[in-house]
Amino acid sequence: MANTGREKLNKVKGIIAIMVFLNSLVPCFINRKLFVVVRNISGKIGLLLRYILVKNLCIECGDNIAIYEGVYLKAVQNIKIGDNVSIHSMCYIDGTGGLTIGNNISIAHASTIMTTNHTWGNKEIPIKYNDSIVDPVVVKDDVWIGAGCRILAGTTINTRAIVAAGAVVTKDVLPNTIVGGVPAKTIKSI
């Protein structure tokens, strides 16, 4: 099996646990501000700082989480993250409506996950001022979301699925499939 960094993580896991505990003593509103401050710090220090903060801000957060520089997390207090998750640079992740990210997930750079959507039913006001709706997103275990994807509110990406680069997911993705396109459609089973 390829070295995935887990061996190095296990060597310093105790130290990280102490850092997470110490940071848990800091009020959430300060940790949210700190996350913005460390958002663009590169390298291992940036990864460590973002992990410590997210571990204390999310509903649940597993081990071996890599949140790379330039990732925007909105409403992080409504997000659950499993183990062995990587979220690459320039991603926008909105947890407002509730977001669950399972285990062994890779979200490639410049991808977006939305848990809100605008309505347009009130013709008396501009669309941008119509009500928003919230609808959770679930990304189950063993999923790869390619570069530049858009995952829209109310969708589930089931286990062992691949979302091809540039795809826009508007409906649930079946397990063991590759989807792609705008809107995303099944390309093949895996």
C-alpha atoms as a PDB file:
ATOM      1  CA  MET A   1       0.000   0.000   0.000  1.00  0.00           C
ATOM      2  CA  ALA A   2       1.290   3.465  -0.854  1.00  0.00           C
ATOM      3  CA  ASN A   3       2.461   5.784   1.907  1.00  0.00           C
ATOM      4  CA  THR A   4      -0.500   8.074   2.445  1.00  0.00           C
ATOM      5  CA  GLY A   5       0.950  10.071   5.308  1.00  0.00           C
ATOM      6  CA  ARG A   6      -0.901   8.026   7.930  1.00  0.00           C
ATOM      7  CA  GLU A   7       2.343   6.609   9.307  1.00  0.00           C
ATOM      8  CA  LYS A   8       3.732  10.117   9.922  1.00  0.00           C
ATOM      9  CA  LEU A   9       0.410  11.202  11.405  1.00  0.00           C
ATOM     10  CA  ASN A  10       0.420   8.295  13.872  1.00  0.00           C
ATOM     11  CA  LYS A  11       3.852   9.367  15.181  1.00  0.00           C
ATOM     12  CA  VAL A  12       2.558  12.822  16.191  1.00  0.00           C
ATOM     13  CA  LYS A  13      -1.074  11.966  16.899  1.00  0.00           C
ATOM     14  CA  GLY A  14      -0.694  12.496  20.659  1.00  0.00           C
ATOM     15  CA  ILE A  15       0.827  15.943  20.223  1.00  0.00           C
ATOM     16  CA  ILE A  16      -1.933  16.919  17.803  1.00  0.00           C
ATOM     17  CA  ALA A  17      -4.571  15.677  20.267  1.00  0.00           C
ATOM     18  CA  ILE A  18      -3.097  17.949  22.952  1.00  0.00           C
ATOM     19  CA  MET A  19      -3.131  20.903  20.540  1.00  0.00           C
ATOM     20  CA  VAL A  20      -6.756  20.168  19.621  1.00  0.00           C
ATOM     21  CA  PHE A  21      -7.677  20.028  23.313  1.00  0.00           C
ATOM     22  CA  LEU A  22      -5.930  23.313  24.091  1.00  0.00           C
ATOM     23  CA  ASN A  23      -7.639  24.965  21.132  1.00  0.00           C
ATOM     24  CA  SER A  24     -11.020  23.655  22.350  1.00  0.00           C
ATOM     25  CA  LEU A  25     -10.664  26.090  25.254  1.00  0.00           C
ATOM     26  CA  VAL A  26     -10.828  28.996  22.777  1.00  0.00           C
ATOM     27  CA  PRO A  27     -14.358  30.303  22.056  1.00  0.00           C
ATOM     28  CA  CYS A  28     -15.845  29.247  18.701  1.00  0.00           C
ATOM     29  CA  PHE A  29     -16.231  32.801  17.415  1.00  0.00           C
ATOM     30  CA  ILE A  30     -12.485  33.323  17.845  1.00  0.00           C
ATOM     31  CA  ASN A  31     -11.694  29.986  16.158  1.00  0.00           C
ATOM     32  CA  ARG A  32     -13.872  30.991  13.185  1.00  0.00           C
ATOM     33  CA  LYS A  33     -11.851  34.214  12.861  1.00  0.00           C
ATOM     34  CA  LEU A  34      -8.601  32.272  13.242  1.00  0.00           C
ATOM     35  CA  PHE A  35      -9.660  29.923  10.446  1.00  0.00           C
ATOM     36  CA  VAL A  36      -9.966  32.915   8.121  1.00  0.00           C
ATOM     37  CA  VAL A  37      -6.489  34.072   9.211  1.00  0.00           C
ATOM     38  CA  VAL A  38      -4.865  30.665   8.521  1.00  0.00           C
ATOM     39  CA  ARG A  39      -6.833  29.979   5.331  1.00  0.00           C
ATOM     40  CA  ASN A  40      -3.917  30.808   3.024  1.00  0.00           C
ATOM     41  CA  ILE A  41      -0.957  29.493   5.027  1.00  0.00           C
ATOM     42  CA  SER A  42       0.736  26.844   2.899  1.00  0.00           C
ATOM     43  CA  GLY A  43       2.706  23.767   3.891  1.00  0.00           C
ATOM     44  CA  LYS A  44       2.455  21.432   6.857  1.00  0.00           C
ATOM     45  CA  ILE A  45       1.982  24.250   9.375  1.00  0.00           C
ATOM     46  CA  GLY A  46      -1.067  25.517   7.478  1.00  0.00           C
ATOM     47  CA  LEU A  47      -2.514  21.998   7.232  1.00  0.00           C
ATOM     48  CA  LEU A  48      -1.995  21.470  10.971  1.00  0.00           C
ATOM     49  CA  LEU A  49      -3.543  24.792  11.990  1.00  0.00           C
ATOM     50  CA  ARG A  50      -6.600  24.303   9.783  1.00  0.00           C
ATOM     51  CA  TYR A  51      -7.061  20.747  11.081  1.00  0.00           C
ATOM     52  CA  ILE A  52      -6.918  21.863  14.718  1.00  0.00           C
ATOM     53  CA  LEU A  53      -9.471  24.603  14.084  1.00  0.00           C
ATOM     54  CA  VAL A  54     -11.840  22.479  12.003  1.00  0.00           C
ATOM     55  CA  LYS A  55     -11.635  19.666  14.555  1.00  0.00           C
ATOM     56  CA  ASN A  56     -13.095  22.099  17.101  1.00  0.00           C
ATOM     57  CA  LEU A  57     -15.562  23.873  14.798  1.00  0.00           C
ATOM     58  CA  CYS A  58     -17.282  20.993  12.949  1.00  0.00           C
ATOM     59  CA  ILE A  59     -20.093  18.861  14.388  1.00  0.00           C
ATOM     60  CA  GLU A  60     -17.775  15.889  13.887  1.00  0.00           C
ATOM     61  CA  CYS A  61     -14.295  15.678  12.418  1.00  0.00           C
ATOM     62  CA  GLY A  62     -12.268  12.517  11.952  1.00  0.00           C
ATOM     63  CA  ASP A  63      -8.529  11.912  11.697  1.00  0.00           C
ATOM     64  CA  ASN A  64      -6.108  12.543   8.852  1.00  0.00           C
ATOM     65  CA  ILE A  65      -7.922  15.547   7.382  1.00  0.00           C
ATOM     66  CA  ALA A  66      -6.042  17.751   4.905  1.00  0.00           C
ATOM     67  CA  ILE A  67      -7.612  21.107   4.136  1.00  0.00           C
ATOM     68  CA  TYR A  68      -5.279  22.876   1.743  1.00  0.00           C
ATOM     69  CA  GLU A  69      -4.751  26.602   1.447  1.00  0.00           C
ATOM     70  CA  GLY A  70      -7.469  28.771  -0.046  1.00  0.00           C
ATOM     71  CA  VAL A  71     -10.409  26.578   1.010  1.00  0.00           C
ATOM     72  CA  TYR A  72     -13.531  28.493   2.087  1.00  0.00           C
ATOM     73  CA  LEU A  73     -15.704  26.736   4.657  1.00  0.00           C
ATOM     74  CA  LYS A  74     -19.038  28.448   5.282  1.00  0.00           C
ATOM     75  CA  ALA A  75     -21.178  27.439   8.293  1.00  0.00           C
ATOM     76  CA  VAL A  76     -18.513  24.947   9.370  1.00  0.00           C
ATOM     77  CA  GLN A  77     -20.572  24.282  12.532  1.00  0.00           C
ATOM     78  CA  ASN A  78     -23.046  22.329  10.322  1.00  0.00           C
ATOM     79  CA  ILE A  79     -20.433  20.054   8.733  1.00  0.00           C
ATOM     80  CA  LYS A  80     -19.463  16.461   9.595  1.00  0.00           C
ATOM     81  CA  ILE A  81     -16.177  15.134   8.188  1.00  0.00           C
ATOM     82  CA  GLY A  82     -15.016  11.515   8.399  1.00  0.00           C
ATOM     83  CA  ASP A  83     -11.480  10.083   8.343  1.00  0.00           C
ATOM     84  CA  ASN A  84      -8.899  10.400   5.556  1.00  0.00           C
ATOM     85  CA  VAL A  85     -10.398  13.394   3.754  1.00  0.00           C
ATOM     86  CA  SER A  86      -8.558  15.856   1.542  1.00  0.00           C
ATOM     87  CA  ILE A  87     -10.074  19.141   0.379  1.00  0.00           C
ATOM     88  CA  HIS A  88      -7.784  20.829  -2.121  1.00  0.00           C
ATOM     89  CA  SER A  89      -7.119  24.488  -2.833  1.00  0.00           C
ATOM     90  CA  MET A  90      -9.767  26.948  -4.021  1.00  0.00           C
ATOM     91  CA  CYS A  91     -12.761  24.875  -2.905  1.00  0.00           C
ATOM     92  CA  TYR A  92     -15.928  26.533  -1.591  1.00  0.00           C
ATOM     93  CA  ILE A  93     -17.804  24.322   0.874  1.00  0.00           C
ATOM     94  CA  ASP A  94     -21.144  25.605   2.240  1.00  0.00           C
ATOM     95  CA  GLY A  95     -22.476  23.775   5.283  1.00  0.00           C
ATOM     96  CA  THR A  96     -25.496  26.044   5.886  1.00  0.00           C
ATOM     97  CA  GLY A  97     -28.053  23.331   5.072  1.00  0.00           C
ATOM     98  CA  GLY A  98     -26.037  20.501   6.612  1.00  0.00           C
ATOM     99  CA  LEU A  99     -23.154  18.635   5.020  1.00  0.00           C
ATOM    100  CA  THR A 100     -21.812  15.149   5.719  1.00  0.00           C
ATOM    101  CA  ILE A 101     -18.506  14.114   4.156  1.00  0.00           C
ATOM    102  CA  GLY A 102     -17.719  10.431   4.714  1.00  0.00           C
ATOM    103  CA  ASN A 103     -14.421   8.537   4.969  1.00  0.00           C
ATOM    104  CA  ASN A 104     -11.710   8.313   2.310  1.00  0.00           C
ATOM    105  CA  ILE A 105     -12.857  11.306   0.285  1.00  0.00           C
ATOM    106  CA  SER A 106     -10.839  13.450  -2.101  1.00  0.00           C
ATOM    107  CA  ILE A 107     -12.283  16.770  -3.235  1.00  0.00           C
ATOM    108  CA  ALA A 108     -10.080  18.207  -5.988  1.00  0.00           C
ATOM    109  CA  HIS A 109      -9.246  21.877  -6.389  1.00  0.00           C
ATOM    110  CA  ALA A 110     -11.780  24.539  -7.349  1.00  0.00           C
ATOM    111  CA  SER A 111     -14.821  22.410  -6.486  1.00  0.00           C
ATOM    112  CA  THR A 112     -17.970  23.730  -4.826  1.00  0.00           C
ATOM    113  CA  ILE A 113     -20.484  22.047  -2.530  1.00  0.00           C
ATOM    114  CA  MET A 114     -23.689  24.055  -1.971  1.00  0.00           C
ATOM    115  CA  THR A 115     -26.361  23.296   0.645  1.00  0.00           C
ATOM    116  CA  THR A 116     -28.513  26.326  -0.187  1.00  0.00           C
ATOM    117  CA  ASN A 117     -30.443  27.409  -3.247  1.00  0.00           C
ATOM    118  CA  HIS A 118     -32.431  30.473  -4.289  1.00  0.00           C
ATOM    119  CA  THR A 119     -36.132  30.401  -5.050  1.00  0.00           C
ATOM    120  CA  TRP A 120     -37.667  32.599  -7.727  1.00  0.00           C
ATOM    121  CA  GLY A 121     -41.400  32.318  -7.100  1.00  0.00           C
ATOM    122  CA  ASN A 122     -42.063  35.842  -5.812  1.00  0.00           C
ATOM    123  CA  LYS A 123     -42.293  37.938  -8.981  1.00  0.00           C
ATOM    124  CA  GLU A 124     -42.742  41.145  -6.958  1.00  0.00           C
ATOM    125  CA  ILE A 125     -39.047  41.256  -6.026  1.00  0.00           C
ATOM    126  CA  PRO A 126     -35.808  40.475  -7.876  1.00  0.00           C
ATOM    127  CA  ILE A 127     -34.732  36.824  -7.826  1.00  0.00           C
ATOM    128  CA  LYS A 128     -31.687  37.633  -5.691  1.00  0.00           C
ATOM    129  CA  TYR A 129     -34.050  38.803  -2.914  1.00  0.00           C
ATOM    130  CA  ASN A 130     -36.326  35.760  -3.053  1.00  0.00           C
ATOM    131  CA  ASP A 131     -36.076  33.322  -0.179  1.00  0.00           C
ATOM    132  CA  SER A 132     -33.276  30.807  -0.023  1.00  0.00           C
ATOM    133  CA  ILE A 133     -33.884  27.183   0.826  1.00  0.00           C
ATOM    134  CA  VAL A 134     -31.500  24.856   2.619  1.00  0.00           C
ATOM    135  CA  ASP A 135     -31.090  21.223   1.653  1.00  0.00           C
ATOM    136  CA  PRO A 136     -28.348  18.936   2.990  1.00  0.00           C
ATOM    137  CA  VAL A 137     -25.655  17.248   0.929  1.00  0.00           C
ATOM    138  CA  VAL A 138     -24.242  13.825   1.775  1.00  0.00           C
ATOM    139  CA  VAL A 139     -20.977  12.505   0.350  1.00  0.00           C
ATOM    140  CA  LYS A 140     -20.705   8.865   1.414  1.00  0.00           C
ATOM    141  CA  ASP A 141     -17.474   6.856   1.798  1.00  0.00           C
ATOM    142  CA  ASP A 142     -14.809   6.311  -0.878  1.00  0.00           C
ATOM    143  CA  VAL A 143     -15.673   9.168  -3.241  1.00  0.00           C
ATOM    144  CA  TRP A 144     -13.465  11.199  -5.548  1.00  0.00           C
ATOM    145  CA  ILE A 145     -14.803  14.584  -6.622  1.00  0.00           C
ATOM    146  CA  GLY A 146     -12.761  15.841  -9.576  1.00  0.00           C
ATOM    147  CA  ALA A 147     -11.470  19.345 -10.208  1.00  0.00           C
ATOM    148  CA  GLY A 148     -13.968  22.140 -10.754  1.00  0.00           C
ATOM    149  CA  CYS A 149     -17.096  20.175  -9.849  1.00  0.00           C
ATOM    150  CA  ARG A 150     -20.301  21.706  -8.528  1.00  0.00           C
ATOM    151  CA  ILE A 151     -22.339  19.646  -6.073  1.00  0.00           C
ATOM    152  CA  LEU A 152     -25.758  21.253  -5.610  1.00  0.00           C
ATOM    153  CA  ALA A 153     -28.050  21.264  -2.581  1.00  0.00           C
ATOM    154  CA  GLY A 154     -30.128  18.197  -1.778  1.00  0.00           C
ATOM    155  CA  THR A 155     -27.883  15.642  -3.441  1.00  0.00           C
ATOM    156  CA  THR A 156     -26.218  12.461  -2.205  1.00  0.00           C
ATOM    157  CA  ILE A 157     -23.074  11.014  -3.719  1.00  0.00           C
ATOM    158  CA  ASN A 158     -23.149   7.356  -2.809  1.00  0.00           C
ATOM    159  CA  THR A 159     -20.272   5.048  -1.884  1.00  0.00           C
ATOM    160  CA  ARG A 160     -17.393   4.416  -4.287  1.00  0.00           C
ATOM    161  CA  ALA A 161     -18.394   7.020  -6.845  1.00  0.00           C
ATOM    162  CA  ILE A 162     -16.305   9.322  -8.999  1.00  0.00           C
ATOM    163  CA  VAL A 163     -17.512  12.735 -10.118  1.00  0.00           C
ATOM    164  CA  ALA A 164     -15.560  13.655 -13.260  1.00  0.00           C
ATOM    165  CA  ALA A 165     -13.842  17.029 -13.482  1.00  0.00           C
ATOM    166  CA  GLY A 166     -16.184  19.902 -14.301  1.00  0.00           C
ATOM    167  CA  ALA A 167     -19.385  17.971 -13.574  1.00  0.00           C
ATOM    168  CA  VAL A 168     -22.460  19.625 -12.069  1.00  0.00           C
ATOM    169  CA  VAL A 169     -24.285  17.221  -9.751  1.00  0.00           C
ATOM    170  CA  THR A 170     -27.995  18.070  -9.610  1.00  0.00           C
ATOM    171  CA  LYS A 171     -29.347  14.677  -8.496  1.00  0.00           C
ATOM    172  CA  ASP A 172     -28.152  11.698  -6.459  1.00  0.00           C
ATOM    173  CA  VAL A 173     -25.158   9.725  -7.717  1.00  0.00           C
ATOM    174  CA  LEU A 174     -25.524   5.946  -7.592  1.00  0.00           C
ATOM    175  CA  PRO A 175     -22.911   3.805  -5.803  1.00  0.00           C
ATOM    176  CA  ASN A 176     -20.042   2.362  -7.861  1.00  0.00           C
ATOM    177  CA  THR A 177     -20.469   4.784 -10.757  1.00  0.00           C
ATOM    178  CA  ILE A 178     -18.588   7.479 -12.607  1.00  0.00           C
ATOM    179  CA  VAL A 179     -20.660  10.539 -13.463  1.00  0.00           C
ATOM    180  CA  GLY A 180     -19.768  13.527 -15.595  1.00  0.00           C
ATOM    181  CA  GLY A 181     -21.181  16.393 -17.608  1.00  0.00           C
ATOM    182  CA  VAL A 182     -23.568  19.292 -17.085  1.00  0.00           C
ATOM    183  CA  PRO A 183     -25.832  18.144 -15.583  1.00  0.00           C
ATOM    184  CA  ALA A 184     -23.950  15.042 -14.397  1.00  0.00           C
ATOM    185  CA  LYS A 185     -25.071  11.736 -15.873  1.00  0.00           C
ATOM    186  CA  THR A 186     -23.773   8.207 -15.349  1.00  0.00           C
ATOM    187  CA  ILE A 187     -20.831   7.473 -17.619  1.00  0.00           C
ATOM    188  CA  LYS A 188     -20.181   3.924 -16.464  1.00  0.00           C
ATOM    189  CA  SER A 189     -20.229   1.545 -13.518  1.00  0.00           C
ATOM    190  CA  ILE A 190     -17.030   0.727 -11.643  1.00  0.00           C
END
